[in-house]
Amino acid sequence: MAWNRGIGVVWKTNEYNWDPRFRKAIGVQPGEKVVGALHMGYYSPDNIPQPRPRKKAEQLITWHKE
């Protein structure tokens, strides 16, 4: 829905998720965890980046037999 409205969105887990100042600012309560944040912003339809090439999972996995 965001993309259809010209809003780019990416999920990130950053170091500041554990910063007490950040946690206080967004109202994290004791016992709650922040697992990520959605970074959002408007983009120009004329300037959408091309997707980067991706490797197949088989190229990244190393199997170890016992």
Protein backbone atom coordinates (compact mmCIF):
# COMPACT_ATOMS: atom_id res chain seq x y z
CA MET A 1 0.00 0.00 0.00
CA ALA A 2 2.82 2.40 0.80
CA TRP A 3 4.56 1.79 -2.55
CA ASN A 4 1.30 2.52 -4.41
CA ARG A 5 1.22 5.91 -2.65
CA GLY A 6 4.79 6.81 -3.56
CA ILE A 7 6.27 5.85 -0.20
CA GLY A 8 9.36 3.65 -0.07
CA VAL A 9 9.66 1.31 2.94
CA VAL A 10 12.51 -0.81 4.25
CA TRP A 11 12.73 -2.88 7.46
CA LYS A 12 15.97 -2.42 9.42
CA THR A 13 17.38 -3.56 12.72
CA ASN A 14 19.83 -0.91 13.89
CA GLU A 15 22.07 -0.51 16.93
CA TYR A 16 19.86 2.28 18.24
CA ASN A 17 17.10 -0.28 18.90
CA TRP A 18 18.91 -1.00 22.20
CA ASP A 19 19.77 2.61 23.04
CA PRO A 20 17.89 3.65 26.23
CA ARG A 21 17.20 7.11 24.77
CA PHE A 22 15.52 5.63 21.69
CA ARG A 23 13.56 3.11 23.76
CA LYS A 24 12.31 5.87 26.08
CA ALA A 25 11.41 8.16 23.15
CA ILE A 26 9.18 5.54 21.52
CA GLY A 27 7.70 4.29 24.78
CA VAL A 28 9.18 0.79 25.05
CA GLN A 29 8.06 -0.75 28.33
CA PRO A 30 10.14 -3.09 30.55
CA GLY A 31 10.05 -6.60 29.12
CA GLU A 32 9.26 -5.38 25.58
CA LYS A 33 11.69 -5.84 22.69
CA VAL A 34 12.25 -3.82 19.53
CA VAL A 35 13.03 -6.20 16.66
CA GLY A 36 13.21 -3.62 13.89
CA ALA A 37 11.99 -0.34 12.53
CA LEU A 38 10.30 0.61 9.29
CA HIS A 39 12.19 3.40 7.53
CA MET A 40 9.83 5.28 5.24
CA GLY A 41 10.15 8.13 2.76
CA TYR A 42 8.74 9.51 -0.46
CA TYR A 43 10.42 8.57 -3.71
CA SER A 44 10.31 9.87 -7.26
CA PRO A 45 8.73 7.40 -9.71
CA ASP A 46 11.33 8.64 -12.23
CA ASN A 47 14.20 7.59 -9.95
CA ILE A 48 13.36 4.06 -8.75
CA PRO A 49 16.60 2.07 -8.35
CA GLN A 50 16.96 -1.23 -10.14
CA PRO A 51 17.04 -4.30 -7.90
CA ARG A 52 20.52 -5.59 -7.16
CA PRO A 53 21.43 -9.04 -8.48
CA ARG A 54 20.98 -11.74 -5.87
CA LYS A 55 22.82 -14.98 -5.35
CA LYS A 56 20.92 -18.24 -5.13
CA ALA A 57 20.62 -19.63 -1.60
CA GLU A 58 22.61 -22.68 -2.68
CA GLN A 59 25.60 -20.40 -3.30
CA LEU A 60 25.50 -19.07 0.26
CA ILE A 61 24.83 -22.20 2.30
CA THR A 62 27.57 -24.53 3.48
CA TRP A 63 26.34 -27.91 4.70
CA HIS A 64 28.41 -29.80 7.28
CA LYS A 65 27.81 -33.50 7.80
CA GLU A 66 28.57 -35.06 11.17
